[in-house]
Amino acid sequence: MDSLVRLAEEREPDVIVCVDFSLFNAHFAKVIKSRVRRRLGAFNNWNPKLVKYVSPQVWASREGRAWKMARDFDLLLSIFPFEKEWFARRIPRFQVEFVGHPMMDRYSEINCNRAAAEKENALVALLPGSRKSELQRIFL
């Protein structure tokens, strides 16, 4: 964390894109915003835009996290089309843009709707996640 914060302060990027890893990135964004406020007081104009790529599933549980994201980030890039509207209803000032899902875009020929599920040879993708604990819980 300290190394990334130092690197950001040294390079002063215009935009910082935080990918997934919600707990770490939320803390990182909070630290950057705090440092920026301090530096602005010292007549420095570095004020990067903080972008979050991939929202945690706040629409499924713990909706309060949505407000924290809106506080810590300037833009949320969502991978599910319904998320933009979900956030707009709850936090209209929070900018959310749907950018697509990397797996669904890769396999766009797969039509994930009722008609596809009713076919005799329906194709099902099992995407359990990447954490070892998730894999063990699902497959053992």
Protein backbone atom coordinates (compact mmCIF):
# COMPACT_ATOMS: atom_id res chain seq x y z
CA MET A 1 0.00 0.00 0.00
CA ASP A 2 2.70 2.48 1.03
CA SER A 3 4.71 1.80 -2.13
CA LEU A 4 1.70 2.39 -4.38
CA VAL A 5 0.77 5.61 -2.61
CA ARG A 6 4.37 6.87 -2.87
CA LEU A 7 4.50 5.92 -6.55
CA ALA A 8 1.23 7.75 -7.25
CA GLU A 9 2.48 10.86 -5.46
CA GLU A 10 5.78 10.78 -7.36
CA ARG A 11 4.25 10.28 -10.81
CA GLU A 12 1.06 12.30 -10.27
CA PRO A 13 -1.13 10.47 -12.80
CA ASP A 14 -4.29 12.16 -14.05
CA VAL A 15 -6.32 8.98 -13.57
CA ILE A 16 -5.89 6.01 -11.23
CA VAL A 17 -7.80 2.88 -12.22
CA CYS A 18 -8.39 0.42 -9.39
CA VAL A 19 -9.29 -3.06 -10.62
CA ASP A 20 -11.56 -5.30 -8.50
CA PHE A 21 -9.96 -6.17 -5.08
CA SER A 22 -12.51 -3.98 -3.28
CA LEU A 23 -11.17 -3.82 0.27
CA PHE A 24 -7.63 -2.92 -0.78
CA ASN A 25 -8.70 -0.45 -3.45
CA ALA A 26 -11.23 1.29 -1.22
CA HIS A 27 -8.49 1.93 1.33
CA PHE A 28 -6.06 2.99 -1.40
CA ALA A 29 -8.58 5.48 -2.84
CA LYS A 30 -9.28 6.89 0.60
CA VAL A 31 -5.55 7.39 1.28
CA ILE A 32 -5.00 9.06 -2.11
CA LYS A 33 -7.93 11.45 -1.56
CA SER A 34 -6.56 12.30 1.88
CA ARG A 35 -3.08 12.99 0.48
CA VAL A 36 -4.52 15.09 -2.35
CA ARG A 37 -6.45 17.26 0.15
CA ARG A 38 -3.25 17.85 2.12
CA ARG A 39 -1.24 18.67 -1.00
CA LEU A 40 -3.92 21.05 -2.36
CA GLY A 41 -3.49 23.03 0.82
CA ALA A 42 0.19 23.35 -0.09
CA PHE A 43 -0.72 24.94 -3.47
CA ASN A 44 -0.19 21.75 -5.44
CA ASN A 45 -2.81 21.03 -8.07
CA TRP A 46 -2.51 17.24 -8.39
CA ASN A 47 -6.04 15.90 -8.20
CA PRO A 48 -6.33 12.53 -9.99
CA LYS A 49 -9.64 10.99 -10.99
CA LEU A 50 -10.16 7.70 -9.17
CA VAL A 51 -11.84 4.99 -11.24
CA LYS A 52 -13.10 1.64 -9.96
CA TYR A 53 -13.35 -1.21 -12.46
CA VAL A 54 -15.76 -3.97 -11.35
CA SER A 55 -18.24 -3.21 -8.63
CA PRO A 56 -18.63 -5.54 -5.69
CA GLN A 57 -22.10 -7.06 -5.75
CA VAL A 58 -23.62 -4.34 -3.56
CA TRP A 59 -26.96 -4.94 -5.28
CA ALA A 60 -27.01 -8.45 -3.76
CA SER A 61 -26.00 -7.56 -0.20
CA ARG A 62 -24.64 -4.75 1.97
CA GLU A 63 -25.96 -1.85 -0.12
CA GLY A 64 -24.19 0.61 2.18
CA ARG A 65 -20.94 -0.14 0.38
CA ALA A 66 -22.36 1.68 -2.65
CA TRP A 67 -22.27 5.00 -0.76
CA LYS A 68 -18.67 4.37 0.27
CA MET A 69 -17.69 3.73 -3.36
CA ALA A 70 -19.41 6.96 -4.39
CA ARG A 71 -17.41 8.80 -1.71
CA ASP A 72 -14.06 7.24 -2.66
CA PHE A 73 -14.28 7.03 -6.47
CA ASP A 74 -15.13 9.44 -9.26
CA LEU A 75 -16.27 6.78 -11.72
CA LEU A 76 -17.37 3.15 -11.55
CA LEU A 77 -16.94 0.96 -14.63
CA SER A 78 -19.48 -1.83 -14.31
CA ILE A 79 -19.50 -5.23 -15.99
CA PHE A 80 -23.25 -5.90 -15.64
CA PRO A 81 -25.72 -3.79 -17.64
CA PHE A 82 -28.26 -3.41 -14.80
CA GLU A 83 -25.69 -1.90 -12.40
CA LYS A 84 -25.75 1.55 -14.04
CA GLU A 85 -29.49 1.90 -13.41
CA TRP A 86 -29.22 0.32 -9.94
CA PHE A 87 -26.68 2.95 -8.84
CA ALA A 88 -28.54 5.79 -10.61
CA ARG A 89 -31.68 5.08 -8.56
CA ARG A 90 -29.76 5.11 -5.28
CA ILE A 91 -26.88 7.55 -5.83
CA PRO A 92 -27.66 9.74 -8.86
CA ARG A 93 -24.50 11.85 -8.49
CA PHE A 94 -22.21 8.78 -8.76
CA GLN A 95 -21.04 8.31 -12.34
CA VAL A 96 -21.38 4.67 -13.45
CA GLU A 97 -20.71 3.39 -16.96
CA PHE A 98 -21.41 -0.11 -18.24
CA VAL A 99 -18.34 -1.38 -20.12
CA GLY A 100 -19.23 -5.03 -20.59
CA HIS A 101 -18.20 -8.30 -19.02
CA PRO A 102 -14.79 -9.65 -20.13
CA MET A 103 -15.93 -13.29 -20.19
CA MET A 104 -19.29 -12.68 -21.83
CA ASP A 105 -17.72 -10.41 -24.44
CA ARG A 106 -15.10 -13.05 -25.22
CA TYR A 107 -17.77 -15.65 -25.85
CA SER A 108 -20.43 -13.42 -27.38
CA GLU A 109 -21.77 -16.28 -29.49
CA ILE A 110 -23.18 -17.81 -26.31
CA ASN A 111 -26.71 -16.49 -25.90
CA CYS A 112 -27.56 -16.58 -22.21
CA ASN A 113 -31.33 -16.48 -22.42
CA ARG A 114 -34.25 -18.83 -21.98
CA ALA A 115 -34.22 -19.98 -25.63
CA ALA A 116 -30.59 -21.09 -25.30
CA ALA A 117 -31.31 -22.91 -22.06
CA GLU A 118 -34.16 -24.81 -23.69
CA LYS A 119 -31.96 -26.26 -26.44
CA GLU A 120 -31.09 -29.94 -26.14
CA ASN A 121 -27.35 -29.25 -26.04
CA ALA A 122 -27.36 -26.16 -23.88
CA LEU A 123 -23.92 -24.89 -22.96
CA VAL A 124 -23.38 -23.95 -19.33
CA ALA A 125 -20.35 -22.04 -18.07
CA LEU A 126 -19.29 -22.55 -14.46
CA LEU A 127 -17.24 -19.54 -13.34
CA PRO A 128 -16.58 -20.06 -9.63
CA GLY A 129 -13.99 -17.35 -9.07
CA SER A 130 -10.29 -17.29 -8.42
CA ARG A 131 -9.94 -17.54 -4.67
CA LYS A 132 -8.71 -20.88 -3.36
CA SER A 133 -11.30 -20.82 -0.55
CA GLU A 134 -14.09 -20.30 -3.14
CA LEU A 135 -12.93 -23.22 -5.23
CA GLN A 136 -12.68 -25.49 -2.19
CA ARG A 137 -16.12 -24.48 -0.94
CA ILE A 138 -17.75 -25.05 -4.33
CA PHE A 139 -15.98 -28.21 -5.46
CA LEU A 140 -15.28 -30.10 -2.23
